[in-house]
N, C-alpha and C. Protein backbone atom coordinates (compact mmCIF):
# COMPACT_ATOMS: atom_id res chain seq x y z
N MET A 1 85.00 -15.72 -49.56
CA MET A 1 83.70 -15.98 -50.71
C MET A 1 82.56 -17.64 -50.07
N PHE A 2 81.63 -17.18 -50.07
CA PHE A 2 80.52 -18.27 -49.61
C PHE A 2 80.74 -19.45 -49.64
N MET A 3 80.62 -19.96 -49.14
CA MET A 3 80.44 -21.77 -49.88
C MET A 3 79.02 -21.50 -51.09
N PRO A 4 80.08 -22.44 -52.59
CA PRO A 4 79.28 -22.45 -53.70
C PRO A 4 77.94 -23.24 -53.21
N LYS A 5 77.80 -23.59 -52.65
CA LYS A 5 75.89 -24.99 -52.52
C LYS A 5 75.05 -23.85 -51.54
N GLU A 6 76.50 -22.87 -50.85
CA GLU A 6 74.92 -21.94 -51.05
C GLU A 6 75.21 -20.36 -51.24
N ALA A 7 74.74 -20.06 -53.40
CA ALA A 7 74.76 -19.64 -53.93
C ALA A 7 73.81 -19.70 -53.88
N LYS A 8 72.49 -20.38 -54.10
CA LYS A 8 71.61 -20.40 -55.20
C LYS A 8 70.41 -19.60 -54.35
N PHE A 9 70.84 -19.19 -52.81
CA PHE A 9 70.15 -18.26 -52.43
C PHE A 9 70.13 -17.08 -52.75
N PHE A 10 71.91 -16.37 -52.75
CA PHE A 10 72.10 -15.36 -53.44
C PHE A 10 71.44 -15.12 -54.85
N ASP A 11 71.76 -16.48 -55.59
CA ASP A 11 70.83 -15.86 -57.38
C ASP A 11 69.61 -15.88 -57.06
N LEU A 12 68.83 -16.47 -56.15
CA LEU A 12 67.60 -15.67 -55.79
C LEU A 12 67.12 -14.33 -55.57
N PHE A 13 67.84 -14.13 -53.90
CA PHE A 13 68.22 -12.28 -54.69
C PHE A 13 68.42 -11.49 -55.48
N ASP A 14 69.08 -12.13 -56.17
CA ASP A 14 69.55 -11.33 -57.24
C ASP A 14 68.16 -11.81 -58.33
N LYS A 15 67.57 -12.71 -58.36
CA LYS A 15 66.51 -12.38 -58.88
C LYS A 15 65.31 -11.30 -58.97
N GLN A 16 65.56 -11.29 -57.10
CA GLN A 16 64.43 -10.81 -56.63
C GLN A 16 64.37 -8.51 -56.39
N ALA A 17 65.55 -8.85 -56.64
CA ALA A 17 67.17 -7.36 -57.02
C ALA A 17 66.28 -6.46 -57.98
N GLU A 18 66.49 -7.80 -59.22
CA GLU A 18 65.88 -7.59 -60.78
C GLU A 18 64.52 -6.90 -61.22
N ASN A 19 63.77 -8.13 -59.92
CA ASN A 19 62.39 -7.88 -60.26
C ASN A 19 62.11 -6.19 -59.68
N LEU A 20 62.87 -5.70 -58.24
CA LEU A 20 62.28 -4.83 -58.12
C LEU A 20 63.08 -2.89 -58.79
N VAL A 21 64.34 -3.71 -58.92
CA VAL A 21 64.29 -2.84 -60.01
C VAL A 21 63.95 -2.64 -61.51
N ASN A 22 63.25 -3.58 -61.98
CA ASN A 22 62.29 -3.73 -63.73
C ASN A 22 60.89 -3.09 -62.97
N ALA A 23 60.39 -3.44 -61.48
CA ALA A 23 59.02 -2.49 -61.50
C ALA A 23 59.26 -1.42 -60.52
N ALA A 24 60.00 -0.47 -60.30
CA ALA A 24 61.01 0.37 -59.89
C ALA A 24 60.97 1.20 -61.34
N GLU A 25 61.91 1.47 -62.23
CA GLU A 25 61.58 1.48 -63.59
C GLU A 25 60.25 1.64 -64.60
N PHE A 26 60.01 0.94 -64.34
CA PHE A 26 58.86 0.88 -64.73
C PHE A 26 57.47 1.91 -64.40
N TYR A 27 57.54 1.97 -63.21
CA TYR A 27 56.62 2.92 -62.46
C TYR A 27 56.88 4.46 -62.40
N LYS A 28 58.67 4.67 -62.67
CA LYS A 28 59.00 5.71 -62.59
C LYS A 28 58.32 6.29 -64.07
N LYS A 29 58.65 5.35 -65.59
CA LYS A 29 58.33 5.25 -66.74
C LYS A 29 56.73 6.27 -66.48
N LEU A 30 55.88 5.25 -65.63
CA LEU A 30 54.43 5.79 -65.81
C LEU A 30 54.08 6.36 -65.62
N VAL A 31 54.78 7.15 -63.99
CA VAL A 31 54.65 9.06 -64.07
C VAL A 31 54.91 10.03 -64.80
N GLU A 32 56.01 9.67 -65.11
CA GLU A 32 56.45 10.09 -66.04
C GLU A 32 55.86 10.72 -67.51
N GLU A 33 55.17 9.88 -67.36
CA GLU A 33 53.76 9.73 -68.74
C GLU A 33 53.11 10.11 -67.95
N ALA A 34 52.56 10.14 -66.80
CA ALA A 34 51.32 9.59 -66.67
C ALA A 34 49.53 7.99 -67.23
N ALA A 35 50.47 7.58 -67.75
CA ALA A 35 50.19 6.23 -68.37
C ALA A 35 49.96 5.26 -67.01
N PHE A 36 49.47 5.62 -66.16
CA PHE A 36 48.35 4.93 -64.93
C PHE A 36 46.47 3.73 -65.68
N THR A 37 47.31 2.77 -66.77
CA THR A 37 46.09 2.62 -67.32
C THR A 37 46.10 1.13 -66.73
N PRO A 38 44.31 0.74 -67.18
CA PRO A 38 44.44 -0.57 -66.25
C PRO A 38 45.20 -1.39 -66.71
N GLU A 39 45.72 -1.57 -68.27
CA GLU A 39 46.49 -2.06 -68.89
C GLU A 39 48.08 -2.52 -68.16
N ASN A 40 48.32 -1.16 -67.48
CA ASN A 40 49.53 -1.03 -67.54
C ASN A 40 49.83 -1.44 -65.45
N VAL A 41 48.76 -1.58 -64.79
CA VAL A 41 47.87 -2.30 -63.59
C VAL A 41 48.23 -2.80 -63.45
N ARG A 42 47.36 -3.38 -64.82
CA ARG A 42 48.33 -5.21 -64.75
C ARG A 42 49.17 -6.21 -64.98
N ALA A 43 50.50 -5.12 -65.56
CA ALA A 43 51.66 -5.12 -65.92
C ALA A 43 52.50 -5.40 -64.85
N MET A 44 52.54 -4.06 -64.55
CA MET A 44 52.28 -3.94 -63.16
C MET A 44 52.16 -5.33 -61.95
N HIS A 45 50.99 -5.74 -62.26
CA HIS A 45 50.72 -6.75 -60.81
C HIS A 45 51.27 -7.41 -61.52
N GLU A 46 51.30 -7.78 -62.65
CA GLU A 46 52.29 -9.26 -62.88
C GLU A 46 53.82 -9.03 -62.08
N ARG A 47 54.10 -8.09 -62.03
CA ARG A 47 55.50 -8.19 -61.91
C ARG A 47 56.23 -7.95 -59.46
N GLU A 48 55.21 -8.21 -59.29
CA GLU A 48 54.41 -8.11 -58.48
C GLU A 48 54.56 -9.20 -57.59
N HIS A 49 53.79 -10.00 -58.80
CA HIS A 49 52.66 -11.71 -58.89
C HIS A 49 54.77 -12.18 -58.37
N TYR A 50 55.40 -12.37 -59.61
CA TYR A 50 56.29 -12.62 -59.57
C TYR A 50 57.67 -12.63 -58.46
N GLY A 51 57.62 -11.53 -58.19
CA GLY A 51 57.96 -11.63 -56.76
C GLY A 51 57.91 -11.81 -55.69
N ASP A 52 56.05 -12.82 -55.50
CA ASP A 52 55.45 -12.85 -54.62
C ASP A 52 55.98 -14.65 -54.33
N GLU A 53 56.09 -15.46 -56.34
CA GLU A 53 56.94 -16.39 -56.75
C GLU A 53 57.74 -16.44 -56.25
N LEU A 54 58.91 -15.39 -55.70
CA LEU A 54 59.89 -15.46 -55.70
C LEU A 54 59.91 -15.59 -54.36
N THR A 55 59.47 -15.15 -53.22
CA THR A 55 59.20 -15.28 -51.87
C THR A 55 58.71 -16.42 -51.68
N HIS A 56 58.01 -16.75 -51.99
CA HIS A 56 58.25 -18.44 -51.56
C HIS A 56 59.14 -19.39 -51.69
N THR A 57 59.82 -19.43 -53.13
CA THR A 57 60.36 -19.92 -52.93
C THR A 57 61.79 -19.07 -52.43
N ILE A 58 62.53 -18.79 -52.02
CA ILE A 58 63.26 -18.56 -50.81
C ILE A 58 63.20 -18.83 -49.89
N ILE A 59 62.36 -19.19 -49.30
CA ILE A 59 60.67 -19.61 -47.78
C ILE A 59 61.15 -21.71 -48.41
N ASN A 60 60.36 -21.54 -49.58
CA ASN A 60 60.58 -22.80 -49.83
C ASN A 60 62.32 -23.55 -49.81
N THR A 61 62.71 -22.64 -49.58
CA THR A 61 64.95 -23.47 -50.77
C THR A 61 65.66 -23.33 -49.10
N LEU A 62 64.43 -22.50 -47.59
CA LEU A 62 65.48 -22.33 -46.80
C LEU A 62 64.94 -23.75 -45.54
N ASN A 63 63.76 -24.15 -46.48
CA ASN A 63 63.80 -25.24 -45.50
C ASN A 63 64.33 -26.35 -45.57
N GLU A 64 64.25 -26.53 -46.64
CA GLU A 64 65.23 -27.48 -47.98
C GLU A 64 66.31 -27.89 -47.69
N THR A 65 66.81 -26.23 -46.37
CA THR A 65 69.04 -26.01 -46.78
C THR A 65 68.49 -26.57 -45.33
N PHE A 66 70.22 -27.26 -45.03
CA PHE A 66 70.51 -27.44 -43.73
C PHE A 66 71.64 -26.29 -43.31
N ILE A 67 73.16 -25.47 -44.49
CA ILE A 67 73.78 -25.15 -44.22
C ILE A 67 73.47 -23.80 -45.54
N THR A 68 73.22 -22.70 -44.47
CA THR A 68 72.85 -21.52 -44.85
C THR A 68 73.97 -20.28 -44.86
N PRO A 69 74.25 -19.44 -46.09
CA PRO A 69 75.01 -18.28 -45.52
C PRO A 69 75.55 -17.30 -44.57
N PHE A 70 74.04 -17.14 -44.60
CA PHE A 70 73.93 -16.48 -42.72
C PHE A 70 73.58 -16.68 -42.16
N ASP A 71 72.08 -16.42 -41.64
CA ASP A 71 71.65 -16.21 -40.26
C ASP A 71 69.78 -16.76 -41.00
N ARG A 72 69.49 -17.62 -40.93
CA ARG A 72 67.45 -18.42 -41.41
C ARG A 72 67.09 -17.31 -40.68
N GLU A 73 67.20 -16.46 -40.15
CA GLU A 73 66.42 -15.40 -39.55
C GLU A 73 66.60 -13.45 -40.42
N ASP A 74 68.09 -13.57 -40.38
CA ASP A 74 67.99 -12.75 -42.42
C ASP A 74 67.67 -12.68 -43.37
N ILE A 75 67.34 -14.58 -43.97
CA ILE A 75 67.49 -14.66 -44.95
C ILE A 75 65.13 -14.42 -45.35
N MET A 76 65.15 -14.60 -43.90
CA MET A 76 63.26 -14.20 -44.22
C MET A 76 63.33 -12.66 -43.74
N ALA A 77 64.35 -12.04 -43.41
CA ALA A 77 63.54 -10.81 -43.36
C ALA A 77 64.29 -10.03 -45.00
N LEU A 78 65.54 -10.22 -44.91
CA LEU A 78 65.74 -9.52 -46.45
C LEU A 78 64.54 -10.64 -47.24
N ALA A 79 64.39 -11.50 -47.97
CA ALA A 79 62.97 -11.87 -48.26
C ALA A 79 61.66 -11.33 -48.24
N ASN A 80 61.78 -10.66 -47.04
CA ASN A 80 60.27 -10.60 -47.24
C ASN A 80 60.02 -8.45 -47.62
N HIS A 81 60.97 -8.12 -46.33
CA HIS A 81 61.05 -7.02 -46.65
C HIS A 81 60.98 -6.57 -48.82
N MET A 82 62.61 -7.54 -49.29
CA MET A 82 62.46 -6.98 -50.67
C MET A 82 61.02 -6.92 -51.24
N ASP A 83 60.07 -8.31 -50.22
CA ASP A 83 58.69 -8.33 -51.26
C ASP A 83 58.14 -6.88 -50.83
N ASP A 84 58.19 -7.23 -49.29
CA ASP A 84 57.23 -5.54 -49.41
C ASP A 84 57.04 -3.92 -50.48
N ILE A 85 58.32 -3.46 -51.06
CA ILE A 85 59.11 -2.81 -51.49
C ILE A 85 57.94 -3.17 -52.57
N VAL A 86 57.97 -4.05 -54.02
CA VAL A 86 57.12 -4.46 -54.86
C VAL A 86 55.65 -4.65 -54.10
N ASP A 87 55.96 -4.92 -53.70
CA ASP A 87 54.05 -4.68 -52.82
C ASP A 87 54.03 -3.24 -53.39
N GLY A 88 54.61 -2.48 -53.11
CA GLY A 88 54.25 -1.19 -52.07
C GLY A 88 53.85 -0.41 -53.84
N ILE A 89 55.15 -0.55 -54.72
CA ILE A 89 54.88 0.54 -55.73
C ILE A 89 53.78 -0.29 -56.51
N TYR A 90 53.31 -1.76 -56.07
CA TYR A 90 52.11 -2.01 -57.40
C TYR A 90 50.92 -1.53 -56.33
N MET A 91 50.89 -1.48 -55.21
CA MET A 91 49.95 -0.24 -54.27
C MET A 91 49.55 1.31 -54.94
N ILE A 92 50.50 1.58 -55.78
CA ILE A 92 50.18 2.84 -55.72
C ILE A 92 50.44 2.90 -57.00
N THR A 93 50.56 2.18 -57.73
CA THR A 93 49.78 2.58 -59.53
C THR A 93 48.41 2.38 -59.67
N ASN A 94 49.08 1.30 -58.30
CA ASN A 94 47.12 0.52 -58.61
C ASN A 94 46.55 2.03 -58.39
N ARG A 95 46.27 2.62 -56.46
CA ARG A 95 45.95 4.05 -56.46
C ARG A 95 45.87 5.07 -57.43
N PHE A 96 46.67 5.26 -58.51
CA PHE A 96 46.59 6.46 -59.36
C PHE A 96 45.76 5.69 -60.20
N CYS A 97 45.99 4.84 -61.08
CA CYS A 97 45.41 4.33 -61.19
C CYS A 97 42.95 4.55 -61.35
N LEU A 98 43.13 4.33 -59.77
CA LEU A 98 41.65 3.97 -59.35
C LEU A 98 41.59 5.08 -58.95
N TYR A 99 41.96 6.27 -58.64
CA TYR A 99 42.21 7.47 -58.19
C TYR A 99 41.55 8.81 -59.39
N LYS A 100 41.67 8.08 -60.50
CA LYS A 100 41.80 9.15 -62.43
C LYS A 100 43.75 9.58 -61.92
N ILE A 101 43.74 9.82 -61.63
CA ILE A 101 45.47 10.80 -61.64
C ILE A 101 45.72 11.15 -63.35
N THR A 102 45.79 12.15 -63.73
CA THR A 102 45.66 11.42 -64.99
C THR A 102 46.80 12.94 -65.61
N LYS A 103 47.62 13.66 -63.92
CA LYS A 103 48.48 14.39 -64.14
C LYS A 103 48.85 14.35 -63.73
N PRO A 104 50.26 13.45 -62.48
CA PRO A 104 50.96 13.27 -61.37
C PRO A 104 51.96 14.37 -61.75
N THR A 105 52.22 15.00 -60.64
CA THR A 105 52.78 16.47 -60.09
C THR A 105 54.06 16.51 -59.98
N GLU A 106 55.21 16.99 -60.07
CA GLU A 106 56.52 17.07 -60.15
C GLU A 106 57.36 16.00 -59.04
N ALA A 107 56.69 16.53 -57.88
CA ALA A 107 56.85 16.09 -56.75
C ALA A 107 56.77 14.17 -56.49
N SER A 108 55.63 13.74 -56.97
CA SER A 108 55.75 12.40 -57.50
C SER A 108 56.63 11.53 -58.40
N LYS A 109 56.67 12.38 -59.82
CA LYS A 109 57.96 12.28 -60.05
C LYS A 109 59.34 12.47 -59.73
N LYS A 110 60.23 13.09 -59.01
CA LYS A 110 60.69 13.22 -58.66
C LYS A 110 60.58 11.77 -56.98
N LEU A 111 59.49 12.02 -56.86
CA LEU A 111 59.37 10.06 -55.92
C LEU A 111 59.74 9.44 -56.72
N GLY A 112 59.68 8.71 -57.41
CA GLY A 112 59.62 7.56 -59.10
C GLY A 112 61.33 7.41 -58.22
N GLY A 113 61.68 9.66 -58.88
CA GLY A 113 62.88 8.97 -59.01
C GLY A 113 64.47 8.58 -58.05
N VAL A 114 64.11 8.95 -56.87
CA VAL A 114 64.51 7.95 -55.39
C VAL A 114 64.05 7.16 -55.42
N ILE A 115 63.01 6.12 -55.70
CA ILE A 115 62.73 5.06 -56.20
C ILE A 115 63.64 3.41 -57.04
N ALA A 116 63.60 4.20 -57.79
CA ALA A 116 64.02 3.45 -59.08
C ALA A 116 65.44 3.92 -58.56
N GLN A 117 66.31 5.19 -57.58
CA GLN A 117 67.21 4.67 -57.90
C GLN A 117 68.03 3.61 -55.85
N SER A 118 66.90 3.99 -55.48
CA SER A 118 67.37 2.96 -54.29
C SER A 118 67.31 1.26 -54.66
N THR A 119 66.11 1.25 -55.37
CA THR A 119 66.14 -0.25 -56.22
C THR A 119 67.99 -0.35 -56.80
N LYS A 120 68.47 0.76 -57.95
CA LYS A 120 69.39 -0.22 -58.44
C LYS A 120 70.40 -0.06 -56.96
N ALA A 121 70.51 0.29 -55.31
CA ALA A 121 71.27 0.77 -55.02
C ALA A 121 71.46 -0.18 -54.01
N LEU A 122 69.77 -0.95 -54.26
CA LEU A 122 69.68 -2.32 -52.94
C LEU A 122 70.39 -4.00 -53.83
N GLN A 123 70.03 -3.20 -55.84
CA GLN A 123 70.51 -4.13 -56.29
C GLN A 123 72.03 -4.77 -56.36
N LYS A 124 73.19 -3.53 -56.60
CA LYS A 124 74.21 -3.02 -56.11
C LYS A 124 75.00 -4.02 -55.17
N ALA A 125 74.34 -3.54 -53.64
CA ALA A 125 74.16 -4.05 -52.12
C ALA A 125 74.73 -5.48 -52.48
N LEU A 126 73.17 -5.97 -53.36
CA LEU A 126 72.80 -7.21 -52.41
C LEU A 126 74.24 -8.29 -53.31
N ALA A 127 73.93 -7.73 -54.45
CA ALA A 127 75.39 -8.49 -55.43
C ALA A 127 77.09 -8.41 -54.77
N ALA A 128 76.77 -7.29 -54.45
CA ALA A 128 78.20 -7.61 -53.43
C ALA A 128 78.16 -8.46 -51.99
N LEU A 129 76.77 -8.17 -52.07
CA LEU A 129 77.12 -9.95 -50.81
C LEU A 129 77.53 -10.98 -50.75
N ARG A 130 77.95 -10.82 -51.86
CA ARG A 130 78.12 -12.29 -52.52
C ARG A 130 79.99 -12.66 -51.98
N ASN A 131 80.83 -11.01 -52.22
CA ASN A 131 81.67 -11.77 -51.41
C ASN A 131 82.04 -10.11 -50.84
N LYS A 132 82.89 -11.43 -49.62
CA LYS A 132 83.32 -10.69 -48.17
C LYS A 132 84.33 -9.19 -48.40
N LYS A 133 85.55 -9.68 -49.38
CA LYS A 133 85.76 -8.36 -50.02
C LYS A 133 84.69 -7.20 -50.59
N MET A 134 84.12 -6.94 -51.04
CA MET A 134 82.72 -5.89 -50.97
C MET A 134 82.30 -5.80 -50.25
N MET A 135 82.85 -5.53 -48.81
CA MET A 135 82.06 -5.40 -47.80
C MET A 135 81.92 -3.65 -48.66
N LYS A 136 83.44 -2.84 -48.62
CA LYS A 136 82.69 -1.70 -48.36
C LYS A 136 81.94 -1.00 -49.74
N GLU A 137 81.69 -2.15 -50.15
CA GLU A 137 81.13 -1.43 -51.71
C GLU A 137 79.73 -1.77 -50.85
N THR A 138 79.38 -2.94 -49.96
CA THR A 138 77.96 -3.26 -49.84
C THR A 138 77.46 -2.21 -49.16
N LEU A 139 78.45 -1.71 -47.97
CA LEU A 139 78.06 -0.47 -47.12
C LEU A 139 78.27 1.05 -47.57
N LEU A 140 79.11 0.83 -48.55
CA LEU A 140 78.34 2.31 -50.13
C LEU A 140 76.95 2.57 -49.94
N GLN A 141 76.69 2.02 -50.79
CA GLN A 141 74.89 1.58 -51.16
C GLN A 141 74.11 1.86 -50.64
N CYS A 142 74.46 0.36 -49.21
CA CYS A 142 73.23 0.84 -48.30
C CYS A 142 73.44 2.75 -47.62
N VAL A 143 74.75 3.49 -47.67
CA VAL A 143 74.69 4.22 -47.24
C VAL A 143 73.56 5.75 -48.25
N GLU A 144 73.97 4.96 -49.66
CA GLU A 144 73.39 6.29 -50.63
C GLU A 144 71.70 4.88 -49.94
N ILE A 145 71.20 4.44 -50.24
CA ILE A 145 69.76 4.10 -49.76
C ILE A 145 69.30 5.05 -48.75
N ASN A 146 70.56 5.60 -47.61
CA ASN A 146 68.82 5.68 -46.59
C ASN A 146 69.63 6.97 -46.46
N ARG A 147 70.18 7.56 -47.38
CA ARG A 147 70.37 9.19 -47.94
C ARG A 147 69.20 9.68 -48.86
N LEU A 148 68.95 7.86 -50.10
CA LEU A 148 67.87 8.75 -50.31
C LEU A 148 66.08 8.35 -49.80
N GLU A 149 66.45 7.64 -49.28
CA GLU A 149 65.19 7.85 -48.33
C GLU A 149 65.39 9.57 -47.02
N ASN A 150 65.44 9.59 -46.56
CA ASN A 150 65.99 10.85 -46.18
C ASN A 150 65.38 12.03 -47.19
N GLU A 151 66.12 11.95 -48.29
CA GLU A 151 65.36 12.67 -49.65
C GLU A 151 64.12 12.72 -49.99
N ALA A 152 63.88 11.43 -49.89
CA ALA A 152 62.06 10.89 -49.90
C ALA A 152 60.98 11.72 -49.03
N ASP A 153 61.56 12.00 -47.19
CA ASP A 153 61.15 12.65 -46.45
C ASP A 153 61.61 13.68 -46.79
N VAL A 154 61.70 14.71 -47.90
CA VAL A 154 61.78 16.12 -47.72
C VAL A 154 61.43 16.46 -48.70
N ILE A 155 61.20 15.26 -49.99
CA ILE A 155 59.67 15.29 -50.56
C ILE A 155 58.94 15.93 -50.85
N ARG A 156 57.89 14.37 -49.93
CA ARG A 156 57.04 14.54 -49.06
C ARG A 156 57.04 15.98 -48.12
N ASP A 157 57.13 15.74 -47.36
CA ASP A 157 56.85 17.31 -46.52
C ASP A 157 56.28 18.33 -47.64
N GLU A 158 57.56 18.86 -48.29
CA GLU A 158 57.69 20.04 -49.19
C GLU A 158 56.31 19.86 -50.30
N ALA A 159 55.96 18.38 -50.42
CA ALA A 159 54.68 17.67 -51.10
C ALA A 159 53.26 18.27 -50.47
N ILE A 160 53.91 18.05 -49.26
CA ILE A 160 52.66 17.16 -48.57
C ILE A 160 51.94 19.16 -48.20
N SER A 161 53.15 20.43 -48.17
CA SER A 161 52.74 21.39 -47.55
C SER A 161 52.38 22.23 -48.91
N GLU A 162 53.07 22.38 -49.71
CA GLU A 162 52.93 22.52 -50.89
C GLU A 162 50.68 22.15 -50.80
N LEU A 163 50.91 21.00 -50.82
CA LEU A 163 49.28 20.66 -51.16
C LEU A 163 48.35 21.26 -50.15
N PHE A 164 48.56 21.53 -49.09
CA PHE A 164 47.58 22.08 -48.41
C PHE A 164 47.51 23.16 -48.57
N GLU A 165 48.93 24.27 -49.12
CA GLU A 165 48.02 25.61 -49.45
C GLU A 165 47.38 25.67 -50.35
N LYS A 166 47.95 25.53 -51.55
CA LYS A 166 47.84 25.78 -52.72
C LYS A 166 46.26 25.02 -52.96
N GLU A 167 46.47 23.83 -53.18
CA GLU A 167 44.58 22.44 -53.87
C GLU A 167 43.18 22.97 -52.37
N LYS A 168 42.28 23.60 -53.42
CA LYS A 168 41.57 23.41 -52.58
C LYS A 168 40.71 23.02 -52.59
N ASP A 169 40.45 21.58 -53.28
CA ASP A 169 40.03 20.32 -53.62
C ASP A 169 40.10 18.68 -52.22
N PRO A 170 38.78 19.66 -51.81
CA PRO A 170 39.35 19.06 -50.19
C PRO A 170 39.84 16.88 -50.82
N ILE A 171 39.20 16.25 -51.50
CA ILE A 171 38.98 14.75 -51.67
C ILE A 171 40.59 14.93 -52.11
N MET A 172 40.87 15.84 -53.08
CA MET A 172 41.73 15.42 -54.40
C MET A 172 43.64 16.16 -53.25
N ILE A 173 43.74 16.85 -52.38
CA ILE A 173 44.46 16.86 -51.03
C ILE A 173 44.27 15.37 -50.18
N ILE A 174 42.52 14.49 -50.59
CA ILE A 174 43.07 13.24 -49.75
C ILE A 174 43.74 12.03 -50.32
N LYS A 175 44.03 12.83 -51.37
CA LYS A 175 44.00 11.83 -52.21
C LYS A 175 46.25 11.32 -52.96
N GLN A 176 46.02 12.97 -53.39
CA GLN A 176 47.72 12.61 -53.55
C GLN A 176 48.39 12.94 -52.04
N LYS A 177 47.60 13.58 -50.70
CA LYS A 177 49.22 13.17 -49.78
C LYS A 177 48.70 11.40 -49.50
N GLU A 178 47.98 11.16 -49.59
CA GLU A 178 48.06 9.63 -49.25
C GLU A 178 49.27 8.46 -50.80
N LEU A 179 48.74 9.17 -52.13
CA LEU A 179 49.74 8.68 -52.32
C LEU A 179 51.45 9.45 -52.89
N TYR A 180 51.95 10.99 -51.90
CA TYR A 180 52.92 10.81 -51.26
C TYR A 180 53.16 9.92 -50.09
N GLU A 181 52.49 9.50 -49.60
CA GLU A 181 53.04 8.86 -48.53
C GLU A 181 53.18 7.38 -48.21
N GLU A 182 52.78 7.17 -49.58
CA GLU A 182 52.49 5.64 -50.10
C GLU A 182 54.42 4.63 -50.90
N ALA A 183 54.42 6.52 -51.42
CA ALA A 183 55.32 6.47 -52.43
C ALA A 183 56.95 6.98 -51.41
N GLU A 184 57.25 7.42 -50.39
CA GLU A 184 57.75 7.80 -49.21
C GLU A 184 57.39 6.80 -48.67
N ASN A 185 56.97 5.64 -48.91
CA ASN A 185 56.92 4.45 -47.57
C ASN A 185 57.63 3.34 -48.04
N VAL A 186 57.32 3.01 -49.69
CA VAL A 186 58.47 2.13 -50.57
C VAL A 186 60.20 2.76 -50.68
N ALA A 187 60.14 3.83 -50.05
CA ALA A 187 61.69 4.72 -49.66
C ALA A 187 61.97 4.13 -48.79
N ASP A 188 61.04 3.94 -47.81
CA ASP A 188 61.31 3.13 -46.13
C ASP A 188 61.57 1.91 -46.36
N TYR A 189 61.16 0.85 -47.10
CA TYR A 189 60.85 -0.31 -47.56
C TYR A 189 62.59 -1.01 -48.08
N CYS A 190 62.81 0.01 -48.46
CA CYS A 190 64.39 -0.17 -48.92
C CYS A 190 65.85 0.24 -48.54
N GLU A 191 65.29 1.31 -47.56
CA GLU A 191 66.17 1.30 -46.32
C GLU A 191 65.98 -0.04 -45.13
N HIS A 192 64.36 -0.21 -44.41
CA HIS A 192 64.63 -1.55 -43.81
C HIS A 192 65.37 -2.76 -44.53
N THR A 193 64.78 -3.10 -45.97
CA THR A 193 66.06 -3.96 -46.44
C THR A 193 67.80 -3.64 -46.12
N ALA A 194 67.89 -2.20 -46.55
CA ALA A 194 68.74 -1.89 -46.59
C ALA A 194 70.18 -2.56 -44.79
N ASN A 195 69.54 -2.03 -44.23
CA ASN A 195 69.39 -2.16 -42.49
C ASN A 195 69.73 -4.03 -42.48
N VAL A 196 68.86 -5.00 -43.44
CA VAL A 196 69.07 -5.83 -42.86
C VAL A 196 70.56 -6.72 -43.47
N VAL A 197 70.57 -5.50 -44.65
CA VAL A 197 71.94 -6.96 -45.11
C VAL A 197 73.80 -5.57 -44.53
N GLU A 198 72.86 -4.70 -43.34
CA GLU A 198 73.61 -4.53 -43.30
C GLU A 198 74.21 -4.66 -41.83
N SER A 199 73.39 -5.44 -41.16
CA SER A 199 73.45 -6.20 -39.96
C SER A 199 73.61 -7.87 -40.40
N ILE A 200 72.96 -8.16 -41.32
CA ILE A 200 73.70 -9.18 -41.88
C ILE A 200 75.67 -9.31 -42.44
N LEU A 201 75.68 -8.15 -42.89
CA LEU A 201 77.92 -8.06 -42.51
C LEU A 201 78.33 -7.56 -41.47
N VAL A 202 77.49 -7.31 -40.97
CA VAL A 202 78.12 -7.27 -38.97
C VAL A 202 78.61 -8.39 -38.55
N LYS A 203 77.39 -9.19 -38.65
CA LYS A 203 77.41 -10.67 -38.21
C LYS A 203 78.11 -11.45 -37.79
N ASN A 204 78.66 -11.31 -39.87
CA ASN A 204 79.87 -12.68 -40.86
C ASN A 204 81.02 -12.24 -40.98
N ASN A 205 81.39 -10.50 -40.73
CA ASN A 205 82.32 -10.16 -40.88
C ASN A 205 83.52 -9.80 -39.48
């Protein structure tokens, strides 16, 4: 087990992960219910702002702490990558509202599901990271995040192919293509975060 005095970092990462899951579940609900209202965009922005606050707290804690549970560079990378995830979720939410998409496609709904699953797997991986005895569980979750990112790639590619084949409105093609690509980017951010977690395990075991 890591030293108790270092637990504050894990507590902050747990809060960051909880916020990610909350944002991803909210986004999944919005895309399934076509509820991208200005009010819901503001509600998502609150989650994004809270994520920023947690990232700043982690950085401040890092500056004030002599002994850290793992490399300072990895703590910074983990905090920043997790911040990228919630930033990405907020950006897509805002785009849906700005573009006035009243009927999200099935592909967008599937990508929303993948994002939600990825953040949950990341939350489990980070929780297991506290304890070296749970390394296998952490690695399993990282593998699952990688699988989900590959799934997001396939959904995006198939969706864009269908978009060019069936959609006649060039403006709608631009809008939907961007939404698909940005949703897949969020899955990428989850994978980048998982890669940092795996790197931490390699260095500390």
